[in-house]
Amino acid sequence: MERRNIFLDDVRPGPEDHILVKIAEECILLLEDDQHVSHLSLDHDLGSKKSNGFEVVLYLLENNQYPDRITIHSANAAAGKKMYQHLLEGKRKGTLPERVKVTLRPLPLTFS
């Protein structure tokens, strides 16, 4: 089965090889529907006080769904760091497999 890449952000366009989603709920629906995600890139602030990228982090850890690679690309430094640290804590506790590469990449985000 083909591996997919997902980019969660309400403002910035994602890389051409990523599926762009703008709300956490939509991202979670894609993850529920597809166990074959290679790269998941998450923003925190999504223009809504009700929804944010941290919800996706919690979903991943609670449902044992892990892409090969997770990038936190939030411009909100404090919230991005919280997401990143929560994922690293998942690795320390054994909830998140060691094979999953987790990266904190504050903006500006560029693609090559």
N, C-alpha and C. Protein backbone atom coordinates (compact mmCIF):
# COMPACT_ATOMS: atom_id res chain seq x y z
N MET A 1 0.84 -1.18 0.00
CA MET A 1 0.00 0.00 0.00
C MET A 1 0.89 1.25 0.00
N GLU A 2 0.44 2.25 -0.71
CA GLU A 2 1.21 3.49 -0.84
C GLU A 2 1.22 4.26 0.48
N ARG A 3 2.37 4.80 0.83
CA ARG A 3 2.52 5.61 2.04
C ARG A 3 2.12 7.05 1.71
N ARG A 4 1.41 7.68 2.63
CA ARG A 4 0.97 9.05 2.42
C ARG A 4 1.65 9.99 3.41
N ASN A 5 1.68 11.27 3.04
CA ASN A 5 2.21 12.33 3.89
C ASN A 5 1.07 13.31 4.18
N ILE A 6 0.99 13.79 5.41
CA ILE A 6 -0.08 14.70 5.81
C ILE A 6 0.54 15.96 6.42
N PHE A 7 0.00 17.12 6.04
CA PHE A 7 0.47 18.42 6.52
C PHE A 7 -0.71 19.15 7.14
N LEU A 8 -0.68 19.35 8.46
CA LEU A 8 -1.76 20.05 9.18
C LEU A 8 -1.37 21.50 9.39
N ASP A 9 -2.10 22.41 8.74
CA ASP A 9 -1.84 23.84 8.87
C ASP A 9 -3.02 24.60 8.28
N ASP A 10 -3.47 25.63 8.96
CA ASP A 10 -4.61 26.40 8.46
C ASP A 10 -4.22 27.59 7.61
N VAL A 11 -2.92 27.91 7.55
CA VAL A 11 -2.47 29.10 6.82
C VAL A 11 -1.50 28.77 5.69
N ARG A 12 -0.48 27.99 6.00
CA ARG A 12 0.59 27.73 5.05
C ARG A 12 0.24 26.56 4.13
N PRO A 13 0.67 26.66 2.87
CA PRO A 13 0.52 25.50 1.99
C PRO A 13 1.58 24.46 2.33
N GLY A 14 1.26 23.22 2.16
CA GLY A 14 2.23 22.17 2.44
C GLY A 14 3.06 21.83 1.22
N PRO A 15 4.00 20.94 1.40
CA PRO A 15 4.78 20.46 0.26
C PRO A 15 3.86 19.75 -0.75
N GLU A 16 4.28 19.72 -1.98
CA GLU A 16 3.45 19.13 -3.03
C GLU A 16 3.11 17.67 -2.80
N ASP A 17 3.97 16.95 -2.11
CA ASP A 17 3.72 15.52 -1.91
C ASP A 17 2.98 15.21 -0.61
N HIS A 18 2.37 16.26 0.01
CA HIS A 18 1.62 16.10 1.24
C HIS A 18 0.14 16.42 1.01
N ILE A 19 -0.73 15.75 1.75
CA ILE A 19 -2.14 16.08 1.78
C ILE A 19 -2.30 17.21 2.79
N LEU A 20 -2.89 18.33 2.38
CA LEU A 20 -3.08 19.47 3.26
C LEU A 20 -4.42 19.34 3.98
N VAL A 21 -4.38 19.43 5.32
CA VAL A 21 -5.60 19.47 6.13
C VAL A 21 -5.50 20.70 7.02
N LYS A 22 -6.66 21.31 7.31
CA LYS A 22 -6.65 22.59 8.03
C LYS A 22 -7.19 22.52 9.44
N ILE A 23 -7.79 21.39 9.83
CA ILE A 23 -8.29 21.26 11.20
C ILE A 23 -7.88 19.90 11.77
N ALA A 24 -7.73 19.87 13.09
CA ALA A 24 -7.27 18.65 13.77
C ALA A 24 -8.20 17.47 13.50
N GLU A 25 -9.49 17.72 13.52
CA GLU A 25 -10.46 16.64 13.33
C GLU A 25 -10.28 15.97 11.97
N GLU A 26 -10.03 16.77 10.93
CA GLU A 26 -9.82 16.24 9.59
C GLU A 26 -8.54 15.40 9.54
N CYS A 27 -7.52 15.86 10.23
CA CYS A 27 -6.26 15.12 10.29
C CYS A 27 -6.48 13.77 10.97
N ILE A 28 -7.20 13.78 12.08
CA ILE A 28 -7.47 12.54 12.80
C ILE A 28 -8.29 11.58 11.95
N LEU A 29 -9.26 12.10 11.21
CA LEU A 29 -10.05 11.23 10.32
C LEU A 29 -9.16 10.57 9.27
N LEU A 30 -8.22 11.32 8.71
CA LEU A 30 -7.28 10.73 7.75
C LEU A 30 -6.43 9.65 8.40
N LEU A 31 -5.97 9.91 9.62
CA LEU A 31 -5.15 8.92 10.33
C LEU A 31 -5.96 7.67 10.66
N GLU A 32 -7.23 7.84 11.03
CA GLU A 32 -8.10 6.70 11.32
C GLU A 32 -8.32 5.85 10.08
N ASP A 33 -8.42 6.54 8.95
CA ASP A 33 -8.73 5.88 7.68
C ASP A 33 -7.52 5.21 7.04
N ASP A 34 -6.33 5.66 7.38
CA ASP A 34 -5.12 5.19 6.69
C ASP A 34 -4.00 4.91 7.68
N GLN A 35 -3.65 3.67 7.82
CA GLN A 35 -2.57 3.27 8.73
C GLN A 35 -1.19 3.45 8.08
N HIS A 36 -1.12 3.92 6.87
CA HIS A 36 0.13 3.98 6.12
C HIS A 36 0.58 5.42 5.89
N VAL A 37 0.89 6.12 6.97
CA VAL A 37 1.35 7.50 6.87
C VAL A 37 2.86 7.53 7.09
N SER A 38 3.55 8.07 6.11
CA SER A 38 5.00 8.16 6.20
C SER A 38 5.42 9.38 7.02
N HIS A 39 4.91 10.57 6.64
CA HIS A 39 5.30 11.81 7.32
C HIS A 39 4.06 12.58 7.74
N LEU A 40 4.04 13.01 8.99
CA LEU A 40 2.98 13.84 9.53
C LEU A 40 3.61 15.12 10.05
N SER A 41 3.24 16.26 9.47
CA SER A 41 3.77 17.55 9.89
C SER A 41 2.65 18.35 10.54
N LEU A 42 2.87 18.81 11.78
CA LEU A 42 1.80 19.41 12.58
C LEU A 42 2.09 20.85 12.98
N ASP A 43 1.09 21.70 12.76
CA ASP A 43 1.06 23.04 13.31
C ASP A 43 0.24 22.97 14.59
N HIS A 44 0.44 23.89 15.52
CA HIS A 44 -0.38 23.91 16.73
C HIS A 44 -1.60 24.80 16.56
N ASP A 45 -1.40 26.08 16.31
CA ASP A 45 -2.50 27.04 16.24
C ASP A 45 -3.21 26.91 14.90
N LEU A 46 -4.50 26.62 14.96
CA LEU A 46 -5.25 26.38 13.73
C LEU A 46 -6.39 27.37 13.53
N GLY A 47 -6.27 28.55 14.10
CA GLY A 47 -7.27 29.59 13.88
C GLY A 47 -8.55 29.39 14.67
N SER A 48 -8.61 28.33 15.46
CA SER A 48 -9.79 28.06 16.27
C SER A 48 -9.34 27.77 17.69
N LYS A 49 -9.99 28.36 18.64
CA LYS A 49 -9.64 28.09 20.04
C LYS A 49 -10.07 26.68 20.45
N LYS A 50 -10.92 26.05 19.64
CA LYS A 50 -11.43 24.72 19.96
C LYS A 50 -10.55 23.59 19.45
N SER A 51 -9.76 23.85 18.45
CA SER A 51 -9.01 22.79 17.78
C SER A 51 -7.55 23.20 17.64
N ASN A 52 -6.63 22.25 17.90
CA ASN A 52 -5.21 22.54 17.69
C ASN A 52 -4.45 21.25 17.44
N GLY A 53 -3.20 21.40 17.05
CA GLY A 53 -2.38 20.25 16.70
C GLY A 53 -2.07 19.32 17.85
N PHE A 54 -2.16 19.81 19.08
CA PHE A 54 -1.90 18.96 20.24
C PHE A 54 -2.91 17.82 20.32
N GLU A 55 -4.14 18.07 19.84
CA GLU A 55 -5.17 17.02 19.80
C GLU A 55 -4.70 15.83 18.96
N VAL A 56 -3.99 16.11 17.89
CA VAL A 56 -3.49 15.04 17.03
C VAL A 56 -2.40 14.25 17.75
N VAL A 57 -1.53 14.94 18.48
CA VAL A 57 -0.49 14.27 19.26
C VAL A 57 -1.14 13.32 20.26
N LEU A 58 -2.15 13.80 20.97
CA LEU A 58 -2.85 12.95 21.95
C LEU A 58 -3.49 11.75 21.26
N TYR A 59 -4.11 12.00 20.11
CA TYR A 59 -4.74 10.90 19.36
C TYR A 59 -3.71 9.82 19.00
N LEU A 60 -2.56 10.24 18.49
CA LEU A 60 -1.52 9.28 18.10
C LEU A 60 -1.13 8.39 19.27
N LEU A 61 -0.87 9.02 20.41
CA LEU A 61 -0.39 8.27 21.57
C LEU A 61 -1.48 7.39 22.18
N GLU A 62 -2.71 7.85 22.15
CA GLU A 62 -3.82 7.08 22.74
C GLU A 62 -4.26 5.93 21.85
N ASN A 63 -4.01 6.03 20.54
CA ASN A 63 -4.52 5.03 19.60
C ASN A 63 -3.42 4.19 18.95
N ASN A 64 -2.20 4.37 19.42
CA ASN A 64 -1.08 3.58 18.90
C ASN A 64 -0.97 3.64 17.38
N GLN A 65 -1.12 4.83 16.85
CA GLN A 65 -0.95 5.03 15.41
C GLN A 65 0.27 5.92 15.22
N TYR A 66 1.23 5.40 14.48
CA TYR A 66 2.49 6.12 14.37
C TYR A 66 2.98 6.18 12.93
N PRO A 67 3.09 7.40 12.40
CA PRO A 67 3.76 7.55 11.11
C PRO A 67 5.25 7.27 11.30
N ASP A 68 5.97 7.17 10.20
CA ASP A 68 7.42 6.96 10.28
C ASP A 68 8.13 8.18 10.85
N ARG A 69 7.55 9.36 10.57
CA ARG A 69 8.21 10.62 10.94
C ARG A 69 7.15 11.65 11.31
N ILE A 70 7.40 12.40 12.39
CA ILE A 70 6.51 13.47 12.83
C ILE A 70 7.34 14.75 12.95
N THR A 71 6.87 15.81 12.29
CA THR A 71 7.51 17.12 12.39
C THR A 71 6.54 18.09 13.04
N ILE A 72 7.00 18.81 14.04
CA ILE A 72 6.22 19.89 14.63
C ILE A 72 6.74 21.18 14.01
N HIS A 73 5.88 21.89 13.26
CA HIS A 73 6.35 23.08 12.55
C HIS A 73 5.63 24.37 12.99
N SER A 74 5.15 24.41 14.20
CA SER A 74 4.35 25.53 14.69
C SER A 74 5.16 26.81 14.88
N ALA A 75 4.55 27.94 14.53
CA ALA A 75 5.16 29.25 14.80
C ALA A 75 4.98 29.61 16.28
N ASN A 76 4.07 28.95 16.95
CA ASN A 76 3.87 29.15 18.39
C ASN A 76 4.92 28.31 19.11
N ALA A 77 6.02 28.96 19.47
CA ALA A 77 7.18 28.23 20.01
C ALA A 77 6.85 27.44 21.27
N ALA A 78 6.11 28.02 22.19
CA ALA A 78 5.80 27.33 23.44
C ALA A 78 4.90 26.11 23.20
N ALA A 79 3.88 26.27 22.38
CA ALA A 79 2.97 25.16 22.11
C ALA A 79 3.65 24.08 21.27
N GLY A 80 4.48 24.50 20.31
CA GLY A 80 5.22 23.53 19.51
C GLY A 80 6.16 22.70 20.37
N LYS A 81 6.83 23.37 21.30
CA LYS A 81 7.75 22.67 22.20
C LYS A 81 6.98 21.69 23.09
N LYS A 82 5.79 22.07 23.53
CA LYS A 82 4.96 21.19 24.36
C LYS A 82 4.58 19.93 23.57
N MET A 83 4.19 20.10 22.31
CA MET A 83 3.85 18.95 21.46
C MET A 83 5.06 18.02 21.31
N TYR A 84 6.20 18.63 21.01
CA TYR A 84 7.44 17.88 20.83
C TYR A 84 7.82 17.12 22.10
N GLN A 85 7.77 17.81 23.22
CA GLN A 85 8.14 17.17 24.49
C GLN A 85 7.17 16.04 24.86
N HIS A 86 5.90 16.21 24.53
CA HIS A 86 4.92 15.17 24.82
C HIS A 86 5.23 13.90 23.99
N LEU A 87 5.64 14.10 22.75
CA LEU A 87 6.02 12.96 21.92
C LEU A 87 7.29 12.29 22.45
N LEU A 88 8.27 13.10 22.86
CA LEU A 88 9.49 12.52 23.43
C LEU A 88 9.20 11.76 24.72
N GLU A 89 8.29 12.28 25.51
CA GLU A 89 7.88 11.58 26.73
C GLU A 89 7.24 10.24 26.37
N GLY A 90 6.48 10.22 25.28
CA GLY A 90 5.91 8.96 24.80
C GLY A 90 7.00 7.96 24.45
N LYS A 91 8.09 8.44 23.88
CA LYS A 91 9.23 7.55 23.59
C LYS A 91 9.84 7.02 24.88
N ARG A 92 10.03 7.90 25.86
CA ARG A 92 10.62 7.49 27.14
C ARG A 92 9.76 6.44 27.85
N LYS A 93 8.44 6.59 27.74
CA LYS A 93 7.52 5.66 28.41
C LYS A 93 7.28 4.39 27.59
N GLY A 94 7.76 4.38 26.35
CA GLY A 94 7.55 3.22 25.49
C GLY A 94 6.23 3.24 24.74
N THR A 95 5.49 4.34 24.85
CA THR A 95 4.22 4.48 24.13
C THR A 95 4.46 4.75 22.65
N LEU A 96 5.46 5.57 22.36
CA LEU A 96 5.83 5.91 20.98
C LEU A 96 7.07 5.09 20.63
N PRO A 97 7.00 4.28 19.58
CA PRO A 97 8.15 3.45 19.22
C PRO A 97 9.40 4.28 18.89
N GLU A 98 10.55 3.74 19.23
CA GLU A 98 11.83 4.41 18.96
C GLU A 98 12.04 4.66 17.46
N ARG A 99 11.46 3.83 16.61
CA ARG A 99 11.64 3.95 15.16
C ARG A 99 11.04 5.25 14.59
N VAL A 100 10.12 5.87 15.33
CA VAL A 100 9.46 7.10 14.85
C VAL A 100 10.39 8.28 15.07
N LYS A 101 10.73 8.95 13.99
CA LYS A 101 11.60 10.14 14.08
C LYS A 101 10.73 11.35 14.38
N VAL A 102 11.07 12.08 15.45
CA VAL A 102 10.31 13.27 15.86
C VAL A 102 11.23 14.48 15.76
N THR A 103 10.74 15.52 15.07
CA THR A 103 11.54 16.72 14.84
C THR A 103 10.75 17.97 15.21
N LEU A 104 11.39 18.89 15.89
CA LEU A 104 10.82 20.21 16.17
C LEU A 104 11.48 21.18 15.20
N ARG A 105 10.68 21.79 14.36
CA ARG A 105 11.21 22.63 13.30
C ARG A 105 10.42 23.95 13.25
N PRO A 106 10.73 24.85 14.18
CA PRO A 106 9.99 26.12 14.18
C PRO A 106 10.14 26.85 12.86
N LEU A 107 9.18 27.71 12.58
CA LEU A 107 9.21 28.46 11.33
C LEU A 107 10.43 29.38 11.29
N PRO A 108 10.92 29.78 10.15
CA PRO A 108 10.33 29.53 8.85
C PRO A 108 10.56 28.10 8.38
N LEU A 109 9.53 27.55 7.80
CA LEU A 109 9.57 26.19 7.30
C LEU A 109 9.81 26.25 5.79
N THR A 110 10.86 25.62 5.36
CA THR A 110 11.16 25.58 3.93
C THR A 110 11.26 24.13 3.50
N PHE A 111 11.00 23.91 2.25
CA PHE A 111 11.05 22.56 1.70
C PHE A 111 12.04 22.52 0.56
N SER A 112 12.79 21.44 0.52
CA SER A 112 13.75 21.31 -0.58
C SER A 112 13.37 20.17 -1.48
